[in-house]
PDB file of N, CA and C in Angstrom:
ATOM      1  N   MET A   1     -90.062 123.510  47.700  1.00  0.00           N
ATOM      2  CA  MET A   1     -90.490 123.351  46.334  1.00  0.00           C
ATOM      3  C   MET A   1     -89.979 124.550  45.533  1.00  0.00           C
ATOM      4  N   SER A   2     -89.494 124.299  44.336  1.00  0.00           N
ATOM      5  CA  SER A   2     -88.998 125.401  43.517  1.00  0.00           C
ATOM      6  C   SER A   2     -90.106 125.915  42.606  1.00  0.00           C
ATOM      7  N   TRP A   3     -89.896 127.103  42.114  1.00  0.00           N
ATOM      8  CA  TRP A   3     -90.863 127.736  41.225  1.00  0.00           C
ATOM      9  C   TRP A   3     -90.538 127.386  39.782  1.00  0.00           C
ATOM     10  N   THR A   4     -91.561 127.243  38.973  1.00  0.00           N
ATOM     11  CA  THR A   4     -91.400 127.002  37.545  1.00  0.00           C
ATOM     12  C   THR A   4     -91.698 128.298  36.817  1.00  0.00           C
ATOM     13  N   ARG A   5     -90.820 128.635  35.886  1.00  0.00           N
ATOM     14  CA  ARG A   5     -91.071 129.854  35.111  1.00  0.00           C
ATOM     15  C   ARG A   5     -92.310 129.663  34.242  1.00  0.00           C
ATOM     16  N   LEU A   6     -92.955 130.763  33.922  1.00  0.00           N
ATOM     17  CA  LEU A   6     -94.198 130.731  33.154  1.00  0.00           C
ATOM     18  C   LEU A   6     -94.028 129.968  31.845  1.00  0.00           C
ATOM     19  N   GLU A   7     -92.909 130.165  31.156  1.00  0.00           N
ATOM     20  CA  GLU A   7     -92.700 129.485  29.867  1.00  0.00           C
ATOM     21  C   GLU A   7     -92.716 127.959  30.049  1.00  0.00           C
ATOM     22  N   GLY A   8     -92.071 127.492  31.105  1.00  0.00           N
ATOM     23  CA  GLY A   8     -92.044 126.055  31.369  1.00  0.00           C
ATOM     24  C   GLY A   8     -93.414 125.512  31.734  1.00  0.00           C
ATOM     25  N   TYR A   9     -94.140 126.267  32.521  1.00  0.00           N
ATOM     26  CA  TYR A   9     -95.480 125.868  32.932  1.00  0.00           C
ATOM     27  C   TYR A   9     -96.404 125.769  31.716  1.00  0.00           C
ATOM     28  N   LEU A  10     -96.346 126.778  30.844  1.00  0.00           N
ATOM     29  CA  LEU A  10     -97.195 126.771  29.649  1.00  0.00           C
ATOM     30  C   LEU A  10     -96.819 125.643  28.703  1.00  0.00           C
ATOM     31  N   ALA A  11     -95.529 125.371  28.562  1.00  0.00           N
ATOM     32  CA  ALA A  11     -95.086 124.269  27.705  1.00  0.00           C
ATOM     33  C   ALA A  11     -95.610 122.935  28.238  1.00  0.00           C
ATOM     34  N   GLN A  12     -95.600 122.778  29.543  1.00  0.00           N
ATOM     35  CA  GLN A  12     -96.114 121.556  30.159  1.00  0.00           C
ATOM     36  C   GLN A  12     -97.601 121.396  29.864  1.00  0.00           C
ATOM     37  N   TRP A  13     -98.359 122.450  30.006  1.00  0.00           N
ATOM     38  CA  TRP A  13     -99.798 122.375  29.754  1.00  0.00           C
ATOM     39  C   TRP A  13    -100.101 122.113  28.289  1.00  0.00           C
ATOM     40  N   ARG A  14     -99.321 122.701  27.380  1.00  0.00           N
ATOM     41  CA  ARG A  14     -99.530 122.427  25.949  1.00  0.00           C
ATOM     42  C   ARG A  14     -99.268 120.952  25.653  1.00  0.00           C
ATOM     43  N   ALA A  15     -98.219 120.402  26.230  1.00  0.00           N
ATOM     44  CA  ALA A  15     -97.895 118.988  26.011  1.00  0.00           C
ATOM     45  C   ALA A  15     -99.000 118.085  26.552  1.00  0.00           C
ATOM     46  N   MET A  16     -99.519 118.403  27.720  1.00  0.00           N
ATOM     47  CA  MET A  16    -100.594 117.593  28.297  1.00  0.00           C
ATOM     48  C   MET A  16    -101.869 117.706  27.469  1.00  0.00           C
ATOM     49  N   ALA A  17    -102.121 118.874  26.893  1.00  0.00           N
ATOM     50  CA  ALA A  17    -103.325 119.064  26.083  1.00  0.00           C
ATOM     51  C   ALA A  17    -103.257 118.237  24.800  1.00  0.00           C
ATOM     52  N   ARG A  18    -102.045 117.999  24.294  1.00  0.00           N
ATOM     53  CA  ARG A  18    -101.879 117.213  23.068  1.00  0.00           C
ATOM     54  C   ARG A  18    -101.916 115.710  23.334  1.00  0.00           C
ATOM     55  N   ALA A  19    -101.701 115.305  24.557  1.00  0.00           N
ATOM     56  CA  ALA A  19    -101.623 113.878  24.887  1.00  0.00           C
ATOM     57  C   ALA A  19    -102.983 113.210  24.699  1.00  0.00           C
ATOM     58  N   ASN A  20    -102.954 111.992  24.183  1.00  0.00           N
ATOM     59  CA  ASN A  20    -104.181 111.217  24.016  1.00  0.00           C
ATOM     60  C   ASN A  20    -104.069 109.960  24.873  1.00  0.00           C
ATOM     61  N   ILE A  21    -104.514 110.071  26.103  1.00  0.00           N
ATOM     62  CA  ILE A  21    -104.395 108.948  27.036  1.00  0.00           C
ATOM     63  C   ILE A  21    -105.204 107.743  26.573  1.00  0.00           C
ATOM     64  N   MET A  22    -106.256 107.956  25.818  1.00  0.00           N
ATOM     65  CA  MET A  22    -107.114 106.858  25.397  1.00  0.00           C
ATOM     66  C   MET A  22    -106.356 105.843  24.543  1.00  0.00           C
ATOM     67  N   GLN A  23    -105.377 106.285  23.773  1.00  0.00           N
ATOM     68  CA  GLN A  23    -104.627 105.340  22.936  1.00  0.00           C
ATOM     69  C   GLN A  23    -103.641 104.508  23.755  1.00  0.00           C
ATOM     70  N   GLU A  24    -103.422 104.882  24.989  1.00  0.00           N
ATOM     71  CA  GLU A  24    -102.494 104.160  25.859  1.00  0.00           C
ATOM     72  C   GLU A  24    -103.178 103.075  26.689  1.00  0.00           C
ATOM     73  N   ILE A  25    -104.494 103.006  26.631  1.00  0.00           N
ATOM     74  CA  ILE A  25    -105.236 102.052  27.458  1.00  0.00           C
ATOM     75  C   ILE A  25    -105.110 100.652  26.861  1.00  0.00           C
ATOM     76  N   PRO A  26    -104.626  99.682  27.648  1.00  0.00           N
ATOM     77  CA  PRO A  26    -104.479  98.312  27.133  1.00  0.00           C
ATOM     78  C   PRO A  26    -105.839  97.636  26.959  1.00  0.00           C
ATOM     79  N   ASP A  27    -105.865  96.601  26.118  1.00  0.00           N
ATOM     80  CA  ASP A  27    -107.110  95.871  25.874  1.00  0.00           C
ATOM     81  C   ASP A  27    -107.601  95.145  27.122  1.00  0.00           C
ATOM     82  N   ASP A  28    -106.697  94.566  27.883  1.00  0.00           N
ATOM     83  CA  ASP A  28    -107.077  93.853  29.100  1.00  0.00           C
ATOM     84  C   ASP A  28    -106.141  94.274  30.228  1.00  0.00           C
ATOM     85  N   PRO A  29    -106.498  95.343  30.925  1.00  0.00           N
ATOM     86  CA  PRO A  29    -105.590  95.880  31.942  1.00  0.00           C
ATOM     87  C   PRO A  29    -105.557  95.102  33.253  1.00  0.00           C
ATOM     88  N   GLY A  30    -106.449  94.129  33.413  1.00  0.00           N
ATOM     89  CA  GLY A  30    -106.552  93.447  34.698  1.00  0.00           C
ATOM     90  C   GLY A  30    -107.388  94.288  35.650  1.00  0.00           C
ATOM     91  N   PRO A  31    -107.431  93.910  36.915  1.00  0.00           N
ATOM     92  CA  PRO A  31    -108.252  94.655  37.878  1.00  0.00           C
ATOM     93  C   PRO A  31    -107.831  96.126  37.938  1.00  0.00           C
ATOM     94  N   THR A  32    -108.800  97.003  37.747  1.00  0.00           N
ATOM     95  CA  THR A  32    -108.491  98.435  37.696  1.00  0.00           C
ATOM     96  C   THR A  32    -109.511  99.223  38.496  1.00  0.00           C
ATOM     97  N   THR A  33    -109.019 100.132  39.308  1.00  0.00           N
ATOM     98  CA  THR A  33    -109.861 101.088  40.010  1.00  0.00           C
ATOM     99  C   THR A  33    -109.361 102.476  39.659  1.00  0.00           C
ATOM    100  N   VAL A  34    -110.248 103.310  39.169  1.00  0.00           N
ATOM    101  CA  VAL A  34    -109.929 104.702  38.874  1.00  0.00           C
ATOM    102  C   VAL A  34    -110.438 105.533  40.044  1.00  0.00           C
ATOM    103  N   VAL A  35    -109.545 106.269  40.678  1.00  0.00           N
ATOM    104  CA  VAL A  35    -109.912 107.109  41.815  1.00  0.00           C
ATOM    105  C   VAL A  35    -109.929 108.548  41.328  1.00  0.00           C
ATOM    106  N   ALA A  36    -111.065 109.218  41.482  1.00  0.00           N
ATOM    107  CA  ALA A  36    -111.215 110.590  40.999  1.00  0.00           C
ATOM    108  C   ALA A  36    -111.833 111.462  42.083  1.00  0.00           C
ATOM    109  N   GLY A  37    -111.454 112.715  42.066  1.00  0.00           N
ATOM    110  CA  GLY A  37    -112.033 113.679  42.988  1.00  0.00           C
ATOM    111  C   GLY A  37    -113.165 114.442  42.322  1.00  0.00           C
ATOM    112  N   SER A  38    -114.261 114.625  43.022  1.00  0.00           N
ATOM    113  CA  SER A  38    -115.406 115.328  42.436  1.00  0.00           C
ATOM    114  C   SER A  38    -115.092 116.789  42.142  1.00  0.00           C
ATOM    115  N   GLY A  39    -114.101 117.337  42.821  1.00  0.00           N
ATOM    116  CA  GLY A  39    -113.729 118.733  42.604  1.00  0.00           C
ATOM    117  C   GLY A  39    -112.535 118.912  41.692  1.00  0.00           C
ATOM    118  N   ASP A  40    -112.188 117.877  40.923  1.00  0.00           N
ATOM    119  CA  ASP A  40    -111.024 117.932  40.037  1.00  0.00           C
ATOM    120  C   ASP A  40    -111.291 118.890  38.884  1.00  0.00           C
ATOM    121  N   LYS A  41    -110.473 119.920  38.768  1.00  0.00           N
ATOM    122  CA  LYS A  41    -110.608 120.898  37.683  1.00  0.00           C
ATOM    123  C   LYS A  41    -109.688 120.552  36.515  1.00  0.00           C
ATOM    124  N   THR A  42    -108.819 119.538  36.696  1.00  0.00           N
ATOM    125  CA  THR A  42    -107.875 119.151  35.650  1.00  0.00           C
ATOM    126  C   THR A  42    -108.455 118.054  34.768  1.00  0.00           C
ATOM    127  N   ALA A  43    -108.976 117.012  35.376  1.00  0.00           N
ATOM    128  CA  ALA A  43    -109.592 115.909  34.634  1.00  0.00           C
ATOM    129  C   ALA A  43    -111.099 115.982  34.878  1.00  0.00           C
ATOM    130  N   SER A  44    -111.826 116.371  33.847  1.00  0.00           N
ATOM    131  CA  SER A  44    -113.276 116.527  33.998  1.00  0.00           C
ATOM    132  C   SER A  44    -113.935 115.177  34.255  1.00  0.00           C
ATOM    133  N   GLN A  45    -115.126 115.207  34.797  1.00  0.00           N
ATOM    134  CA  GLN A  45    -115.869 113.979  35.058  1.00  0.00           C
ATOM    135  C   GLN A  45    -116.136 113.221  33.762  1.00  0.00           C
ATOM    136  N   ASP A  46    -116.292 113.945  32.650  1.00  0.00           N
ATOM    137  CA  ASP A  46    -116.494 113.308  31.348  1.00  0.00           C
ATOM    138  C   ASP A  46    -115.254 112.511  30.942  1.00  0.00           C
ATOM    139  N   VAL A  47    -114.086 113.091  31.121  1.00  0.00           N
ATOM    140  CA  VAL A  47    -112.835 112.402  30.788  1.00  0.00           C
ATOM    141  C   VAL A  47    -112.665 111.174  31.674  1.00  0.00           C
ATOM    142  N   VAL A  48    -112.913 111.332  32.957  1.00  0.00           N
ATOM    143  CA  VAL A  48    -112.789 110.206  33.893  1.00  0.00           C
ATOM    144  C   VAL A  48    -113.742 109.089  33.490  1.00  0.00           C
ATOM    145  N   ARG A  49    -114.971 109.424  33.166  1.00  0.00           N
ATOM    146  CA  ARG A  49    -115.963 108.422  32.774  1.00  0.00           C
ATOM    147  C   ARG A  49    -115.524 107.705  31.495  1.00  0.00           C
ATOM    148  N   ARG A  50    -114.967 108.438  30.523  1.00  0.00           N
ATOM    149  CA  ARG A  50    -114.492 107.804  29.283  1.00  0.00           C
ATOM    150  C   ARG A  50    -113.362 106.819  29.575  1.00  0.00           C
ATOM    151  N   ILE A  51    -112.475 107.181  30.481  1.00  0.00           N
ATOM    152  CA  ILE A  51    -111.375 106.286  30.852  1.00  0.00           C
ATOM    153  C   ILE A  51    -111.927 105.021  31.505  1.00  0.00           C
ATOM    154  N   VAL A  52    -112.834 105.188  32.448  1.00  0.00           N
ATOM    155  CA  VAL A  52    -113.429 104.032  33.136  1.00  0.00           C
ATOM    156  C   VAL A  52    -114.156 103.138  32.138  1.00  0.00           C
ATOM    157  N   ASP A  53    -114.924 103.729  31.236  1.00  0.00           N
ATOM    158  CA  ASP A  53    -115.671 102.951  30.249  1.00  0.00           C
ATOM    159  C   ASP A  53    -114.745 102.197  29.297  1.00  0.00           C
ATOM    160  N   ALA A  54    -113.560 102.749  29.026  1.00  0.00           N
ATOM    161  CA  ALA A  54    -112.613 102.116  28.107  1.00  0.00           C
ATOM    162  C   ALA A  54    -111.841 100.968  28.758  1.00  0.00           C
ATOM    163  N   LEU A  55    -111.811 100.929  30.071  1.00  0.00           N
ATOM    164  CA  LEU A  55    -111.088  99.885  30.802  1.00  0.00           C
ATOM    165  C   LEU A  55    -112.055  98.764  31.166  1.00  0.00           C
ATOM    166  N   THR A  56    -111.873  97.608  30.578  1.00  0.00           N
ATOM    167  CA  THR A  56    -112.761  96.480  30.810  1.00  0.00           C
ATOM    168  C   THR A  56    -112.868  96.163  32.303  1.00  0.00           C
ATOM    169  N   GLY A  57    -114.080  96.239  32.827  1.00  0.00           N
ATOM    170  CA  GLY A  57    -114.323  95.883  34.219  1.00  0.00           C
ATOM    171  C   GLY A  57    -113.815  96.872  35.254  1.00  0.00           C
ATOM    172  N   ALA A  58    -113.428  98.051  34.826  1.00  0.00           N
ATOM    173  CA  ALA A  58    -112.889  99.040  35.771  1.00  0.00           C
ATOM    174  C   ALA A  58    -113.975  99.550  36.708  1.00  0.00           C
ATOM    175  N   GLU A  59    -113.540  99.898  37.893  1.00  0.00           N
ATOM    176  CA  GLU A  59    -114.440 100.479  38.890  1.00  0.00           C
ATOM    177  C   GLU A  59    -114.032 101.926  39.127  1.00  0.00           C
ATOM    178  N   LEU A  60    -115.016 102.793  39.277  1.00  0.00           N
ATOM    179  CA  LEU A  60    -114.762 104.202  39.582  1.00  0.00           C
ATOM    180  C   LEU A  60    -115.051 104.458  41.054  1.00  0.00           C
ATOM    181  N   VAL A  61    -114.078 105.035  41.730  1.00  0.00           N
ATOM    182  CA  VAL A  61    -114.270 105.502  43.101  1.00  0.00           C
ATOM    183  C   VAL A  61    -114.152 107.016  43.045  1.00  0.00           C
ATOM    184  N   GLU A  62    -115.274 107.693  43.244  1.00  0.00           N
ATOM    185  CA  GLU A  62    -115.273 109.154  43.215  1.00  0.00           C
ATOM    186  C   GLU A  62    -115.327 109.672  44.648  1.00  0.00           C
ATOM    187  N   LEU A  63    -114.331 110.470  44.986  1.00  0.00           N
ATOM    188  CA  LEU A  63    -114.255 111.026  46.331  1.00  0.00           C
ATOM    189  C   LEU A  63    -114.807 112.446  46.323  1.00  0.00           C
ATOM    190  N   PRO A  64    -115.861 112.714  47.099  1.00  0.00           N
ATOM    191  CA  PRO A  64    -116.453 114.049  47.126  1.00  0.00           C
ATOM    192  C   PRO A  64    -115.515 115.066  47.774  1.00  0.00           C
ATOM    193  N   ASP A  65    -115.610 116.286  47.280  1.00  0.00           N
ATOM    194  CA  ASP A  65    -114.867 117.419  47.850  1.00  0.00           C
ATOM    195  C   ASP A  65    -113.355 117.230  47.800  1.00  0.00           C
ATOM    196  N   VAL A  66    -112.876 116.568  46.759  1.00  0.00           N
ATOM    197  CA  VAL A  66    -111.440 116.366  46.564  1.00  0.00           C
ATOM    198  C   VAL A  66    -111.101 116.819  45.151  1.00  0.00           C
ATOM    199  N   GLY A  67    -109.919 117.401  44.990  1.00  0.00           N
ATOM    200  CA  GLY A  67    -109.475 117.869  43.684  1.00  0.00           C
ATOM    201  C   GLY A  67    -108.625 116.836  42.960  1.00  0.00           C
ATOM    202  N   HIS A  68    -107.651 117.324  42.189  1.00  0.00           N
ATOM    203  CA  HIS A  68    -106.841 116.473  41.323  1.00  0.00           C
ATOM    204  C   HIS A  68    -105.764 115.699  42.076  1.00  0.00           C
ATOM    205  N   MET A  69    -105.204 116.283  43.104  1.00  0.00           N
ATOM    206  CA  MET A  69    -104.086 115.672  43.827  1.00  0.00           C
ATOM    207  C   MET A  69    -104.606 114.914  45.052  1.00  0.00           C
ATOM    208  N   ILE A  70    -105.409 113.913  44.815  1.00  0.00           N
ATOM    209  CA  ILE A  70    -106.107 113.186  45.874  1.00  0.00           C
ATOM    210  C   ILE A  70    -105.145 112.663  46.933  1.00  0.00           C
ATOM    211  N   TYR A  71    -104.077 112.045  46.488  1.00  0.00           N
ATOM    212  CA  TYR A  71    -103.140 111.412  47.429  1.00  0.00           C
ATOM    213  C   TYR A  71    -102.407 112.422  48.294  1.00  0.00           C
ATOM    214  N   ILE A  72    -102.400 113.695  47.897  1.00  0.00           N
ATOM    215  CA  ILE A  72    -101.802 114.760  48.708  1.00  0.00           C
ATOM    216  C   ILE A  72    -102.875 115.457  49.544  1.00  0.00           C
ATOM    217  N   GLU A  73    -104.016 115.759  48.909  1.00  0.00           N
ATOM    218  CA  GLU A  73    -105.091 116.476  49.596  1.00  0.00           C
ATOM    219  C   GLU A  73    -105.724 115.640  50.711  1.00  0.00           C
ATOM    220  N   HIS A  74    -105.962 114.377  50.418  1.00  0.00           N
ATOM    221  CA  HIS A  74    -106.623 113.479  51.379  1.00  0.00           C
ATOM    222  C   HIS A  74    -105.987 112.092  51.303  1.00  0.00           C
ATOM    223  N   PRO A  75    -104.761 111.959  51.792  1.00  0.00           N
ATOM    224  CA  PRO A  75    -104.074 110.669  51.675  1.00  0.00           C
ATOM    225  C   PRO A  75    -104.823 109.518  52.346  1.00  0.00           C
ATOM    226  N   GLU A  76    -105.514 109.804  53.437  1.00  0.00           N
ATOM    227  CA  GLU A  76    -106.227 108.725  54.120  1.00  0.00           C
ATOM    228  C   GLU A  76    -107.377 108.195  53.267  1.00  0.00           C
ATOM    229  N   ARG A  77    -108.044 109.060  52.522  1.00  0.00           N
ATOM    230  CA  ARG A  77    -109.141 108.620  51.657  1.00  0.00           C
ATOM    231  C   ARG A  77    -108.595 107.875  50.440  1.00  0.00           C
ATOM    232  N   PHE A  78    -107.494 108.383  49.886  1.00  0.00           N
ATOM    233  CA  PHE A  78    -106.860 107.696  48.759  1.00  0.00           C
ATOM    234  C   PHE A  78    -106.382 106.312  49.194  1.00  0.00           C
ATOM    235  N   ASN A  79    -105.717 106.249  50.346  1.00  0.00           N
ATOM    236  CA  ASN A  79    -105.222 104.965  50.844  1.00  0.00           C
ATOM    237  C   ASN A  79    -106.362 103.989  51.100  1.00  0.00           C
ATOM    238  N   GLY A  80    -107.500 104.498  51.561  1.00  0.00           N
ATOM    239  CA  GLY A  80    -108.665 103.645  51.758  1.00  0.00           C
ATOM    240  C   GLY A  80    -109.144 103.042  50.449  1.00  0.00           C
ATOM    241  N   ALA A  81    -109.188 103.858  49.396  1.00  0.00           N
ATOM    242  CA  ALA A  81    -109.600 103.362  48.077  1.00  0.00           C
ATOM    243  C   ALA A  81    -108.588 102.351  47.547  1.00  0.00           C
ATOM    244  N   LEU A  82    -107.313 102.614  47.764  1.00  0.00           N
ATOM    245  CA  LEU A  82    -106.264 101.694  47.316  1.00  0.00           C
ATOM    246  C   LEU A  82    -106.339 100.364  48.069  1.00  0.00           C
ATOM    247  N   LYS A  83    -106.525 100.420  49.374  1.00  0.00           N
ATOM    248  CA  LYS A  83    -106.636  99.190  50.169  1.00  0.00           C
ATOM    249  C   LYS A  83    -107.856  98.373  49.747  1.00  0.00           C
ATOM    250  N   ALA A  84    -108.969  99.045  49.467  1.00  0.00           N
ATOM    251  CA  ALA A  84    -110.171  98.338  49.017  1.00  0.00           C
ATOM    252  C   ALA A  84    -109.918  97.664  47.672  1.00  0.00           C
ATOM    253  N   HIS A  85    -109.224  98.356  46.775  1.00  0.00           N
ATOM    254  CA  HIS A  85    -108.892  97.773  45.468  1.00  0.00           C
ATOM    255  C   HIS A  85    -108.025  96.526  45.649  1.00  0.00           C
ATOM    256  N   LEU A  86    -107.000  96.637  46.488  1.00  0.00           N
ATOM    257  CA  LEU A  86    -106.103  95.500  46.712  1.00  0.00           C
ATOM    258  C   LEU A  86    -106.837  94.323  47.350  1.00  0.00           C
ATOM    259  N   ALA A  87    -107.769  94.605  48.247  1.00  0.00           N
ATOM    260  CA  ALA A  87    -108.548  93.539  48.884  1.00  0.00           C
ATOM    261  C   ALA A  87    -109.425  92.822  47.858  1.00  0.00           C
ATOM    262  N   ARG A  88    -110.024  93.590  46.929  1.00  0.00           N
ATOM    263  CA  ARG A  88    -110.867  92.993  45.888  1.00  0.00           C
ATOM    264  C   ARG A  88    -110.039  92.208  44.876  1.00  0.00           C
ATOM    265  N   SER A  89    -108.818  92.668  44.629  1.00  0.00           N
ATOM    266  CA  SER A  89    -107.987  92.088  43.572  1.00  0.00           C
ATOM    267  C   SER A  89    -107.210  90.861  44.023  1.00  0.00           C
ATOM    268  N   GLY A  90    -107.170  90.640  45.317  1.00  0.00           N
ATOM    269  CA  GLY A  90    -106.474  89.468  45.845  1.00  0.00           C
ATOM    270  C   GLY A  90    -105.068  89.777  46.084  1.00  0.00           C
TER     271      GLY A  90
END
């Protein structure tokens, strides 16, 4: 993995802070499962809850003791949530 210079890292964070994900949510997204880690320091539980509430019929799967990079930190738990979603969705 390569290193990112501080200027690039800060520019990335400024861009993410300006982003409004709520305006990108479709009116009818179809079956949706939001997978969140209870230890996520990037996306607060309030933000996650707002996203879930904005998605019609969305389900929240909160994984305890997991941070933001769920699929890297605990791939087996992420894959379990994904498989459960696919089983429910047909």
